[in-house]
């Protein structure tokens, strides 16, 4: 004998299980994509900051003017993600390191960009004509920008919270609807099963 509760439960799972699988698959795909977007944002921001500082630090590195380099580093550190800025010369010797005050230990990402001496126009003749130099840009050092991973962790937590709560709500509502539909569909089957059992028991008048 198939119990009514068993029929109702099976029909409820039959209606809710495909939706559950689809919901979980979609949630995982969307969450993974948003995680990748957060990672890409950090990479883009780190590369942009490193290249921006490198493009403006040419004179400071070439002349060894640490005061000017410090100004560029402080400007970059207006962003709370920037933990440290380092400047190196052509021999990989450290010229200056500026560390964010109150820096906390944690995950770090290092981004670097080369610092080049921009080519200048050289005199070609006494008439005042100019011609570009024959050599390419000269690399005179590099800059390293250290960014914190804390923003990624915070962003991932926000993504999880924003994704899980609607998914749980949709799952609960879906199972409630599936339960009610299963009850409505299983009721005639339960009546028919009870009638068959009565007939098998000898109640032919049923």
N, C-alpha and C. Protein backbone atom coordinates (compact mmCIF):
# COMPACT_ATOMS: atom_id res chain seq x y z
N UNK A 1 0.86 -1.20 0.00
CA UNK A 1 0.00 0.00 0.00
C UNK A 1 0.88 1.23 0.00
N UNK A 2 0.51 2.13 -0.86
CA UNK A 2 1.26 3.38 -0.95
C UNK A 2 0.58 4.41 -0.08
N UNK A 3 1.29 4.92 0.92
CA UNK A 3 0.70 5.89 1.82
C UNK A 3 0.48 7.23 1.15
N UNK A 4 -0.52 7.98 1.68
CA UNK A 4 -0.79 9.29 1.11
C UNK A 4 0.35 10.24 1.26
N UNK A 5 0.98 10.19 2.45
CA UNK A 5 2.11 11.08 2.69
C UNK A 5 3.25 10.79 1.73
N UNK A 6 3.46 9.48 1.43
CA UNK A 6 4.53 9.10 0.52
C UNK A 6 4.25 9.61 -0.89
N UNK A 7 3.01 9.48 -1.34
CA UNK A 7 2.65 9.99 -2.66
C UNK A 7 2.85 11.50 -2.73
N UNK A 8 2.37 12.17 -1.73
CA UNK A 8 2.50 13.63 -1.71
C UNK A 8 3.96 14.07 -1.69
N UNK A 9 4.78 13.35 -0.92
CA UNK A 9 6.19 13.71 -0.82
C UNK A 9 6.91 13.48 -2.17
N UNK A 10 6.59 12.35 -2.79
CA UNK A 10 7.22 12.06 -4.08
C UNK A 10 6.82 13.07 -5.14
N UNK A 11 5.58 13.47 -5.16
CA UNK A 11 5.14 14.45 -6.15
C UNK A 11 5.75 15.82 -5.85
N UNK A 12 5.91 16.12 -4.56
CA UNK A 12 6.53 17.39 -4.20
C UNK A 12 7.98 17.44 -4.68
N UNK A 13 8.72 16.34 -4.46
CA UNK A 13 10.10 16.30 -4.93
C UNK A 13 10.16 16.28 -6.46
N UNK A 14 9.19 15.62 -7.08
CA UNK A 14 9.16 15.58 -8.53
C UNK A 14 8.98 16.97 -9.13
N UNK A 15 8.21 17.80 -8.44
CA UNK A 15 8.01 19.16 -8.93
C UNK A 15 9.11 20.12 -8.52
N UNK A 16 9.71 19.89 -7.33
CA UNK A 16 10.68 20.85 -6.82
C UNK A 16 12.13 20.54 -7.14
N UNK A 17 12.45 19.25 -7.34
CA UNK A 17 13.85 18.87 -7.55
C UNK A 17 14.44 19.45 -8.84
N UNK A 18 13.75 19.40 -9.99
CA UNK A 18 14.33 20.02 -11.19
C UNK A 18 14.57 21.53 -11.02
N UNK A 19 13.61 22.20 -10.36
CA UNK A 19 13.80 23.64 -10.12
C UNK A 19 14.97 23.88 -9.19
N UNK A 20 15.14 23.00 -8.18
CA UNK A 20 16.25 23.15 -7.25
C UNK A 20 17.59 22.99 -7.97
N UNK A 21 17.69 21.98 -8.82
CA UNK A 21 18.94 21.76 -9.57
C UNK A 21 19.25 22.94 -10.48
N UNK A 22 18.21 23.43 -11.16
CA UNK A 22 18.42 24.57 -12.05
C UNK A 22 18.82 25.81 -11.27
N UNK A 23 18.19 26.03 -10.12
CA UNK A 23 18.49 27.21 -9.31
C UNK A 23 19.93 27.16 -8.79
N UNK A 24 20.34 26.00 -8.28
CA UNK A 24 21.71 25.87 -7.76
C UNK A 24 22.74 26.06 -8.88
N UNK A 25 22.49 25.47 -10.03
CA UNK A 25 23.42 25.62 -11.15
C UNK A 25 23.54 27.07 -11.59
N UNK A 26 22.39 27.74 -11.70
CA UNK A 26 22.40 29.15 -12.11
C UNK A 26 23.08 30.02 -11.06
N UNK A 27 22.83 29.72 -9.78
CA UNK A 27 23.44 30.49 -8.70
C UNK A 27 24.96 30.34 -8.71
N UNK A 28 25.45 29.12 -8.89
CA UNK A 28 26.89 28.90 -8.94
C UNK A 28 27.53 29.61 -10.13
N UNK A 29 26.87 29.55 -11.28
CA UNK A 29 27.43 30.19 -12.47
C UNK A 29 27.49 31.71 -12.30
N UNK A 30 26.41 32.30 -11.82
CA UNK A 30 26.38 33.76 -11.65
C UNK A 30 27.35 34.21 -10.57
N UNK A 31 27.43 33.45 -9.47
CA UNK A 31 28.36 33.83 -8.39
C UNK A 31 29.81 33.74 -8.86
N UNK A 32 30.14 32.69 -9.59
CA UNK A 32 31.50 32.55 -10.12
C UNK A 32 31.83 33.69 -11.06
N UNK A 33 30.88 34.07 -11.92
CA UNK A 33 31.11 35.16 -12.86
C UNK A 33 31.34 36.47 -12.13
N UNK A 34 30.57 36.71 -11.09
CA UNK A 34 30.73 37.96 -10.33
C UNK A 34 32.05 37.95 -9.55
N UNK A 35 32.49 36.77 -9.09
CA UNK A 35 33.81 36.68 -8.46
C UNK A 35 34.91 37.04 -9.45
N UNK A 36 34.77 36.55 -10.67
CA UNK A 36 35.76 36.86 -11.71
C UNK A 36 35.74 38.35 -12.05
N UNK A 37 34.56 38.95 -12.05
CA UNK A 37 34.48 40.39 -12.31
C UNK A 37 35.19 41.19 -11.22
N UNK A 38 35.01 40.77 -9.96
CA UNK A 38 35.69 41.46 -8.85
C UNK A 38 37.20 41.32 -8.97
N UNK A 39 37.66 40.13 -9.34
CA UNK A 39 39.09 39.91 -9.54
C UNK A 39 39.62 40.77 -10.69
N UNK A 40 38.85 40.83 -11.77
CA UNK A 40 39.27 41.63 -12.92
C UNK A 40 39.32 43.12 -12.58
N UNK A 41 38.38 43.58 -11.76
CA UNK A 41 38.39 44.98 -11.35
C UNK A 41 39.65 45.32 -10.57
N UNK A 42 40.07 44.41 -9.67
CA UNK A 42 41.29 44.66 -8.90
C UNK A 42 42.51 44.68 -9.80
N UNK A 43 42.57 43.75 -10.76
CA UNK A 43 43.70 43.72 -11.69
C UNK A 43 43.76 45.00 -12.52
N UNK A 44 42.61 45.43 -13.00
CA UNK A 44 42.57 46.65 -13.81
C UNK A 44 42.99 47.87 -13.00
N UNK A 45 42.49 47.96 -11.77
CA UNK A 45 42.84 49.10 -10.93
C UNK A 45 44.32 49.11 -10.58
N UNK A 46 44.87 47.93 -10.25
CA UNK A 46 46.28 47.86 -9.90
C UNK A 46 47.18 48.23 -11.07
N UNK A 47 46.88 47.71 -12.25
CA UNK A 47 47.69 48.05 -13.43
C UNK A 47 47.59 49.53 -13.78
N UNK A 48 46.40 50.09 -13.62
CA UNK A 48 46.22 51.51 -13.94
C UNK A 48 47.03 52.39 -13.00
N UNK A 49 46.97 52.10 -11.69
CA UNK A 49 47.71 52.90 -10.71
C UNK A 49 49.21 52.80 -10.96
N UNK A 50 49.70 51.59 -11.22
CA UNK A 50 51.14 51.40 -11.46
C UNK A 50 51.59 52.17 -12.71
N UNK A 51 50.84 52.09 -13.78
CA UNK A 51 51.23 52.78 -15.01
C UNK A 51 51.13 54.30 -14.86
N UNK A 52 50.13 54.73 -14.12
CA UNK A 52 49.98 56.18 -13.93
C UNK A 52 51.16 56.74 -13.14
N UNK A 53 51.55 56.05 -12.07
CA UNK A 53 52.69 56.53 -11.28
C UNK A 53 53.97 56.46 -12.10
N UNK A 54 54.13 55.38 -12.88
CA UNK A 54 55.34 55.24 -13.68
C UNK A 54 55.47 56.36 -14.71
N UNK A 55 54.34 56.77 -15.29
CA UNK A 55 54.39 57.81 -16.31
C UNK A 55 54.73 59.19 -15.75
N UNK A 56 54.48 59.39 -14.44
CA UNK A 56 54.73 60.70 -13.83
C UNK A 56 55.99 60.73 -12.98
N UNK A 57 56.65 59.58 -12.81
CA UNK A 57 57.81 59.52 -11.92
C UNK A 57 59.14 59.55 -12.67
N UNK A 58 59.10 59.88 -13.95
CA UNK A 58 60.34 59.86 -14.74
C UNK A 58 61.40 60.79 -14.16
N UNK A 59 61.04 62.03 -13.91
CA UNK A 59 62.02 63.00 -13.43
C UNK A 59 62.54 62.62 -12.05
N UNK A 60 61.64 62.18 -11.16
CA UNK A 60 62.05 61.84 -9.81
C UNK A 60 63.04 60.69 -9.78
N UNK A 61 62.82 59.67 -10.63
CA UNK A 61 63.74 58.53 -10.68
C UNK A 61 65.05 58.91 -11.35
N UNK A 62 64.97 59.67 -12.44
CA UNK A 62 66.18 60.05 -13.18
C UNK A 62 67.08 60.95 -12.33
N UNK A 63 66.48 61.82 -11.54
CA UNK A 63 67.27 62.75 -10.74
C UNK A 63 67.50 62.27 -9.31
N UNK A 64 66.83 61.18 -8.93
CA UNK A 64 66.96 60.70 -7.57
C UNK A 64 66.25 61.58 -6.56
N UNK A 65 65.27 62.32 -6.99
CA UNK A 65 64.53 63.23 -6.12
C UNK A 65 63.45 62.44 -5.37
N UNK A 66 63.79 62.02 -4.17
CA UNK A 66 62.85 61.20 -3.40
C UNK A 66 61.65 61.99 -2.90
N UNK A 67 61.81 63.28 -2.73
CA UNK A 67 60.67 64.09 -2.28
C UNK A 67 59.56 64.07 -3.33
N UNK A 68 59.95 64.19 -4.58
CA UNK A 68 58.94 64.16 -5.64
C UNK A 68 58.31 62.77 -5.75
N UNK A 69 59.14 61.74 -5.63
CA UNK A 69 58.60 60.38 -5.68
C UNK A 69 57.64 60.13 -4.52
N UNK A 70 57.95 60.69 -3.37
CA UNK A 70 57.07 60.53 -2.22
C UNK A 70 55.71 61.17 -2.48
N UNK A 71 55.70 62.29 -3.17
CA UNK A 71 54.43 62.95 -3.50
C UNK A 71 53.58 62.05 -4.39
N UNK A 72 54.22 61.41 -5.39
CA UNK A 72 53.48 60.50 -6.26
C UNK A 72 52.93 59.31 -5.47
N UNK A 73 53.74 58.79 -4.54
CA UNK A 73 53.29 57.65 -3.74
C UNK A 73 52.13 58.04 -2.84
N UNK A 74 52.22 59.22 -2.21
CA UNK A 74 51.13 59.67 -1.34
C UNK A 74 49.84 59.89 -2.12
N UNK A 75 49.99 60.35 -3.35
CA UNK A 75 48.81 60.54 -4.19
C UNK A 75 48.13 59.19 -4.47
N UNK A 76 48.95 58.17 -4.75
CA UNK A 76 48.38 56.84 -5.00
C UNK A 76 47.72 56.27 -3.76
N UNK A 77 48.26 56.60 -2.59
CA UNK A 77 47.75 56.03 -1.35
C UNK A 77 46.47 56.71 -0.86
N UNK A 78 45.95 57.62 -1.63
CA UNK A 78 44.63 58.14 -1.31
C UNK A 78 43.57 57.05 -1.44
N UNK A 79 43.91 56.03 -2.22
CA UNK A 79 43.04 54.85 -2.30
C UNK A 79 43.38 53.91 -1.15
N UNK A 80 42.40 53.48 -0.35
CA UNK A 80 42.70 52.63 0.80
C UNK A 80 43.23 51.25 0.42
N UNK A 81 43.05 50.85 -0.84
CA UNK A 81 43.55 49.54 -1.28
C UNK A 81 45.06 49.52 -1.43
N UNK A 82 45.67 50.68 -1.65
CA UNK A 82 47.11 50.73 -1.90
C UNK A 82 47.84 50.64 -0.57
N UNK A 83 48.62 49.60 -0.39
CA UNK A 83 49.35 49.38 0.85
C UNK A 83 50.77 49.92 0.80
N UNK A 84 51.40 49.86 -0.35
CA UNK A 84 52.82 50.22 -0.42
C UNK A 84 53.16 50.60 -1.86
N UNK A 85 54.10 51.53 -2.00
CA UNK A 85 54.63 51.93 -3.31
C UNK A 85 56.15 51.90 -3.22
N UNK A 86 56.79 51.24 -4.18
CA UNK A 86 58.25 51.16 -4.21
C UNK A 86 58.77 51.63 -5.55
N UNK A 87 59.87 52.36 -5.51
CA UNK A 87 60.54 52.83 -6.72
C UNK A 87 61.93 52.20 -6.80
N UNK A 88 62.29 51.72 -7.98
CA UNK A 88 63.59 51.09 -8.22
C UNK A 88 64.29 51.79 -9.39
N UNK A 89 65.63 51.74 -9.36
CA UNK A 89 66.38 52.29 -10.49
C UNK A 89 66.68 51.17 -11.48
N UNK A 90 67.53 51.45 -12.47
CA UNK A 90 67.82 50.47 -13.51
C UNK A 90 68.55 49.25 -12.96
N UNK A 91 69.28 49.41 -11.88
CA UNK A 91 69.99 48.29 -11.27
C UNK A 91 69.17 47.53 -10.25
N UNK A 92 67.85 47.73 -10.24
CA UNK A 92 66.94 47.09 -9.29
C UNK A 92 67.21 47.49 -7.84
N UNK A 93 67.94 48.59 -7.66
CA UNK A 93 68.18 49.08 -6.30
C UNK A 93 66.96 49.90 -5.85
N UNK A 94 66.56 49.69 -4.60
CA UNK A 94 65.39 50.38 -4.07
C UNK A 94 65.72 51.85 -3.82
N UNK A 95 64.96 52.72 -4.48
CA UNK A 95 65.14 54.16 -4.28
C UNK A 95 64.28 54.68 -3.14
N UNK A 96 63.05 54.20 -3.08
CA UNK A 96 62.12 54.71 -2.07
C UNK A 96 61.01 53.69 -1.86
N UNK A 97 60.61 53.54 -0.61
CA UNK A 97 59.46 52.70 -0.27
C UNK A 97 58.56 53.49 0.68
N UNK A 98 57.32 53.64 0.29
CA UNK A 98 56.34 54.36 1.11
C UNK A 98 55.24 53.38 1.48
N UNK A 99 55.03 53.21 2.78
CA UNK A 99 54.07 52.23 3.28
C UNK A 99 52.87 52.96 3.86
N UNK A 100 51.70 52.41 3.57
CA UNK A 100 50.45 52.98 4.09
C UNK A 100 50.43 52.87 5.61
N UNK A 101 50.11 53.95 6.29
CA UNK A 101 50.02 53.92 7.75
C UNK A 101 48.87 53.03 8.19
N UNK A 102 49.15 52.23 9.23
CA UNK A 102 48.13 51.32 9.73
C UNK A 102 47.88 50.14 8.82
N UNK A 103 48.88 49.77 8.04
CA UNK A 103 48.74 48.65 7.11
C UNK A 103 48.55 47.35 7.89
N UNK A 104 47.57 46.56 7.52
CA UNK A 104 47.29 45.29 8.18
C UNK A 104 47.81 44.14 7.33
N UNK A 105 48.18 43.07 8.02
CA UNK A 105 48.66 41.89 7.32
C UNK A 105 47.49 41.21 6.61
N UNK A 106 47.81 40.62 5.46
CA UNK A 106 46.78 39.93 4.70
C UNK A 106 47.27 39.66 3.30
N UNK A 107 46.32 39.26 2.44
CA UNK A 107 46.67 39.00 1.06
C UNK A 107 47.10 40.27 0.34
N UNK A 108 48.08 40.13 -0.52
CA UNK A 108 48.60 41.28 -1.25
C UNK A 108 48.74 40.92 -2.73
N UNK A 109 48.59 41.91 -3.58
CA UNK A 109 48.83 41.78 -5.01
C UNK A 109 49.83 42.85 -5.41
N UNK A 110 50.86 42.45 -6.11
CA UNK A 110 51.92 43.37 -6.52
C UNK A 110 51.77 43.64 -8.02
N UNK A 111 51.71 44.91 -8.37
CA UNK A 111 51.64 45.34 -9.77
C UNK A 111 52.84 46.23 -10.05
N UNK A 112 53.45 46.05 -11.19
CA UNK A 112 54.62 46.85 -11.52
C UNK A 112 54.52 47.40 -12.93
N UNK A 113 55.23 48.49 -13.14
CA UNK A 113 55.28 49.13 -14.44
C UNK A 113 56.65 49.76 -14.62
N UNK A 114 57.17 49.69 -15.83
CA UNK A 114 58.48 50.26 -16.11
C UNK A 114 58.43 51.78 -16.22
N UNK A 115 59.51 52.40 -15.76
CA UNK A 115 59.65 53.86 -15.86
C UNK A 115 60.66 54.14 -16.97
N UNK A 116 60.26 54.93 -17.95
CA UNK A 116 61.08 55.17 -19.12
C UNK A 116 61.39 56.65 -19.26
N UNK A 117 62.57 56.92 -19.79
CA UNK A 117 62.92 58.29 -20.15
C UNK A 117 62.28 58.59 -21.50
N UNK A 118 61.44 59.59 -21.51
CA UNK A 118 60.72 59.90 -22.73
C UNK A 118 61.70 60.45 -23.78
N UNK A 119 61.60 60.00 -25.04
CA UNK A 119 62.50 60.49 -26.07
C UNK A 119 62.26 61.97 -26.36
N UNK A 120 63.32 62.74 -26.47
CA UNK A 120 63.23 64.16 -26.76
C UNK A 120 63.67 64.42 -28.20
N UNK A 121 63.14 65.47 -28.76
CA UNK A 121 63.54 65.87 -30.11
C UNK A 121 64.93 66.50 -30.04
N UNK A 122 65.81 66.10 -30.92
CA UNK A 122 67.18 66.63 -30.96
C UNK A 122 67.36 67.52 -32.17
N UNK A 123 68.25 68.48 -32.02
CA UNK A 123 68.49 69.42 -33.12
C UNK A 123 69.09 68.69 -34.32
N UNK A 124 68.56 68.98 -35.49
CA UNK A 124 69.03 68.32 -36.70
C UNK A 124 70.01 69.18 -37.47
N UNK A 125 69.77 70.47 -37.46
CA UNK A 125 70.69 71.34 -38.18
C UNK A 125 70.61 72.73 -37.58
N UNK A 126 71.40 73.63 -38.06
CA UNK A 126 71.47 74.99 -37.53
C UNK A 126 70.24 75.80 -37.89
N UNK A 127 69.44 75.30 -38.85
CA UNK A 127 68.28 76.07 -39.30
C UNK A 127 67.10 75.92 -38.34
N UNK A 128 67.27 75.14 -37.34
CA UNK A 128 66.19 74.99 -36.37
C UNK A 128 65.30 73.80 -36.62
N UNK A 129 65.65 72.94 -37.59
CA UNK A 129 64.86 71.74 -37.82
C UNK A 129 65.10 70.73 -36.70
N UNK A 130 64.15 69.82 -36.50
CA UNK A 130 64.25 68.81 -35.44
C UNK A 130 63.97 67.44 -36.03
N UNK A 131 64.60 66.45 -35.44
CA UNK A 131 64.41 65.07 -35.86
C UNK A 131 64.33 64.19 -34.63
N UNK A 132 63.57 63.13 -34.68
CA UNK A 132 63.46 62.25 -33.52
C UNK A 132 64.75 61.48 -33.31
N UNK A 133 65.03 61.09 -32.07
CA UNK A 133 66.24 60.31 -31.80
C UNK A 133 66.13 58.92 -32.41
N UNK A 134 67.26 58.34 -32.73
CA UNK A 134 67.26 57.04 -33.38
C UNK A 134 67.00 55.90 -32.40
N UNK A 135 67.35 56.08 -31.13
CA UNK A 135 67.18 55.01 -30.14
C UNK A 135 65.77 54.99 -29.58
N UNK A 136 65.36 53.83 -29.07
CA UNK A 136 64.04 53.69 -28.46
C UNK A 136 64.06 54.28 -27.06
N UNK A 137 62.90 54.21 -26.40
CA UNK A 137 62.82 54.74 -25.04
C UNK A 137 63.77 53.98 -24.12
N UNK A 138 64.38 54.69 -23.22
CA UNK A 138 65.34 54.09 -22.29
C UNK A 138 64.65 53.83 -20.96
N UNK A 139 64.74 52.59 -20.51
CA UNK A 139 64.16 52.22 -19.22
C UNK A 139 65.10 52.65 -18.11
N UNK A 140 64.59 53.43 -17.17
CA UNK A 140 65.44 53.97 -16.10
C UNK A 140 65.02 53.44 -14.73
N UNK A 141 64.02 52.59 -14.68
CA UNK A 141 63.60 52.04 -13.39
C UNK A 141 62.22 51.43 -13.49
N UNK A 142 61.65 51.16 -12.35
CA UNK A 142 60.29 50.61 -12.31
C UNK A 142 59.63 51.01 -11.00
N UNK A 143 58.31 50.87 -10.98
CA UNK A 143 57.54 51.13 -9.77
C UNK A 143 56.71 49.90 -9.45
N UNK A 144 56.63 49.59 -8.18
CA UNK A 144 55.78 48.49 -7.70
C UNK A 144 54.69 49.06 -6.81
N UNK A 145 53.47 48.66 -7.08
CA UNK A 145 52.32 49.08 -6.27
C UNK A 145 51.72 47.83 -5.64
N UNK A 146 51.60 47.83 -4.33
CA UNK A 146 51.06 46.69 -3.59
C UNK A 146 49.63 47.02 -3.18
N UNK A 147 48.69 46.21 -3.64
CA UNK A 147 47.28 46.39 -3.31
C UNK A 147 46.83 45.28 -2.37
N UNK A 148 45.88 45.60 -1.52
CA UNK A 148 45.35 44.65 -0.56
C UNK A 148 44.28 43.77 -1.20
N UNK A 149 44.20 42.53 -0.71
CA UNK A 149 43.15 41.61 -1.14
C UNK A 149 41.87 41.78 -0.34
N UNK A 150 41.89 42.67 0.65
CA UNK A 150 40.73 42.81 1.53
C UNK A 150 39.48 43.22 0.76
N UNK A 151 39.66 44.06 -0.24
CA UNK A 151 38.49 44.51 -1.00
C UNK A 151 37.85 43.35 -1.77
N UNK A 152 38.71 42.41 -2.23
CA UNK A 152 38.18 41.24 -2.93
C UNK A 152 37.35 40.38 -1.97
N UNK A 153 37.88 40.14 -0.75
CA UNK A 153 37.15 39.33 0.23
C UNK A 153 35.83 39.99 0.60
N UNK A 154 35.85 41.31 0.80
CA UNK A 154 34.62 42.02 1.14
C UNK A 154 33.61 41.95 0.01
N UNK A 155 34.11 42.14 -1.21
CA UNK A 155 33.21 42.09 -2.37
C UNK A 155 32.61 40.70 -2.53
N UNK A 156 33.41 39.65 -2.29
CA UNK A 156 32.90 38.30 -2.42
C UNK A 156 31.84 38.01 -1.36
N UNK A 157 32.03 38.50 -0.15
CA UNK A 157 31.01 38.32 0.88
C UNK A 157 29.72 39.02 0.49
N UNK A 158 29.84 40.23 -0.04
CA UNK A 158 28.64 40.95 -0.47
C UNK A 158 27.93 40.20 -1.59
N UNK A 159 28.71 39.63 -2.51
CA UNK A 159 28.12 38.88 -3.61
C UNK A 159 27.39 37.64 -3.09
N UNK A 160 28.01 36.94 -2.14
CA UNK A 160 27.38 35.74 -1.59
C UNK A 160 26.07 36.08 -0.87
N UNK A 161 26.11 37.15 -0.07
CA UNK A 161 24.90 37.54 0.66
C UNK A 161 23.81 37.95 -0.32
N UNK A 162 24.20 38.73 -1.34
CA UNK A 162 23.21 39.19 -2.32
C UNK A 162 22.66 38.05 -3.16
N UNK A 163 23.41 36.96 -3.28
CA UNK A 163 22.96 35.84 -4.11
C UNK A 163 22.20 34.79 -3.30
N UNK A 164 22.63 34.54 -2.07
CA UNK A 164 22.06 33.44 -1.29
C UNK A 164 20.67 33.77 -0.78
N UNK A 165 20.47 34.98 -0.26
CA UNK A 165 19.16 35.31 0.32
C UNK A 165 18.03 35.22 -0.71
N UNK A 166 18.15 35.82 -1.89
CA UNK A 166 17.08 35.65 -2.88
C UNK A 166 16.90 34.19 -3.29
N UNK A 167 18.02 33.43 -3.37
CA UNK A 167 17.92 32.02 -3.77
C UNK A 167 17.17 31.21 -2.71
N UNK A 168 17.47 31.45 -1.43
CA UNK A 168 16.78 30.73 -0.36
C UNK A 168 15.30 31.09 -0.34
N UNK A 169 15.01 32.37 -0.54
CA UNK A 169 13.61 32.80 -0.57
C UNK A 169 12.87 32.13 -1.72
N UNK A 170 13.48 32.12 -2.90
CA UNK A 170 12.85 31.48 -4.06
C UNK A 170 12.69 29.98 -3.83
N UNK A 171 13.68 29.37 -3.16
CA UNK A 171 13.60 27.93 -2.90
C UNK A 171 12.45 27.61 -1.95
N UNK A 172 12.30 28.39 -0.89
CA UNK A 172 11.23 28.15 0.09
C UNK A 172 9.87 28.33 -0.58
N UNK A 173 9.72 29.42 -1.33
CA UNK A 173 8.45 29.67 -2.01
C UNK A 173 8.15 28.55 -3.01
N UNK A 174 9.18 28.10 -3.72
CA UNK A 174 8.99 27.03 -4.70
C UNK A 174 8.53 25.73 -4.06
N UNK A 175 9.13 25.39 -2.92
CA UNK A 175 8.72 24.15 -2.25
C UNK A 175 7.32 24.27 -1.65
N UNK A 176 6.96 25.46 -1.18
CA UNK A 176 5.59 25.65 -0.68
C UNK A 176 4.58 25.45 -1.80
N UNK A 177 4.86 26.06 -2.95
CA UNK A 177 3.95 25.91 -4.09
C UNK A 177 3.91 24.46 -4.55
N UNK A 178 5.09 23.82 -4.62
CA UNK A 178 5.13 22.42 -5.04
C UNK A 178 4.38 21.54 -4.05
N UNK A 179 4.46 21.85 -2.73
CA UNK A 179 3.75 21.07 -1.74
C UNK A 179 2.24 21.18 -1.89
N UNK A 180 1.77 22.40 -2.16
CA UNK A 180 0.32 22.58 -2.32
C UNK A 180 -0.18 21.90 -3.59
N UNK A 181 0.58 22.02 -4.67
CA UNK A 181 0.18 21.36 -5.91
C UNK A 181 0.21 19.84 -5.74
N UNK A 182 1.23 19.35 -5.00
CA UNK A 182 1.30 17.90 -4.78
C UNK A 182 0.12 17.41 -3.96
N UNK A 183 -0.31 18.20 -2.99
CA UNK A 183 -1.48 17.81 -2.18
C UNK A 183 -2.73 17.74 -3.04
N UNK A 184 -2.91 18.74 -3.91
CA UNK A 184 -4.10 18.75 -4.76
C UNK A 184 -4.09 17.58 -5.74
N UNK A 185 -2.90 17.27 -6.29
CA UNK A 185 -2.83 16.19 -7.27
C UNK A 185 -2.88 14.81 -6.62
N UNK A 186 -2.36 14.72 -5.40
CA UNK A 186 -2.31 13.40 -4.75
C UNK A 186 -3.63 13.01 -4.08
N UNK A 187 -4.50 13.97 -3.84
CA UNK A 187 -5.75 13.67 -3.14
C UNK A 187 -6.62 12.68 -3.91
N UNK A 188 -6.86 12.86 -5.21
CA UNK A 188 -7.65 11.85 -5.94
C UNK A 188 -6.97 10.49 -5.96
N UNK A 189 -5.63 10.49 -6.05
CA UNK A 189 -4.92 9.21 -6.07
C UNK A 189 -5.07 8.51 -4.72
N UNK A 190 -5.03 9.25 -3.64
CA UNK A 190 -5.21 8.66 -2.31
C UNK A 190 -6.62 8.07 -2.17
N UNK A 191 -7.62 8.80 -2.68
CA UNK A 191 -9.00 8.29 -2.61
C UNK A 191 -9.14 7.01 -3.41
N UNK A 192 -8.54 6.99 -4.62
CA UNK A 192 -8.63 5.79 -5.45
C UNK A 192 -7.91 4.62 -4.80
N UNK A 193 -6.74 4.88 -4.19
CA UNK A 193 -5.99 3.82 -3.52
C UNK A 193 -6.79 3.26 -2.34
N UNK A 194 -7.45 4.14 -1.58
CA UNK A 194 -8.27 3.69 -0.45
C UNK A 194 -9.45 2.86 -0.92
N UNK A 195 -10.06 3.27 -2.06
CA UNK A 195 -11.20 2.52 -2.59
C UNK A 195 -10.78 1.13 -3.04
N UNK A 196 -9.62 1.04 -3.69
CA UNK A 196 -9.12 -0.27 -4.13
C UNK A 196 -8.85 -1.17 -2.95
N UNK A 197 -8.29 -0.62 -1.89
CA UNK A 197 -8.01 -1.42 -0.70
C UNK A 197 -9.31 -1.93 -0.06
N UNK A 198 -10.35 -1.11 -0.08
CA UNK A 198 -11.63 -1.54 0.49
C UNK A 198 -12.24 -2.66 -0.34
N UNK A 199 -12.12 -2.54 -1.67
CA UNK A 199 -12.66 -3.58 -2.53
C UNK A 199 -11.90 -4.90 -2.33
N UNK A 200 -10.55 -4.78 -2.21
CA UNK A 200 -9.75 -5.98 -1.98
C UNK A 200 -10.08 -6.61 -0.62
N UNK A 201 -10.55 -5.78 0.28
CA UNK A 201 -10.92 -6.31 1.60
C UNK A 201 -12.33 -6.91 1.64
N UNK A 202 -13.04 -6.87 0.50
CA UNK A 202 -14.37 -7.50 0.46
C UNK A 202 -15.50 -6.49 0.48
N UNK A 203 -15.25 -5.23 0.53
CA UNK A 203 -16.33 -4.23 0.54
C UNK A 203 -16.70 -3.90 -0.90
N UNK A 204 -17.41 -4.85 -1.56
CA UNK A 204 -17.72 -4.66 -2.97
C UNK A 204 -18.73 -3.56 -3.20
N UNK A 205 -19.55 -3.25 -2.17
CA UNK A 205 -20.50 -2.16 -2.33
C UNK A 205 -19.82 -0.81 -2.50
N UNK A 206 -18.51 -0.73 -2.16
CA UNK A 206 -17.79 0.55 -2.31
C UNK A 206 -17.68 0.91 -3.79
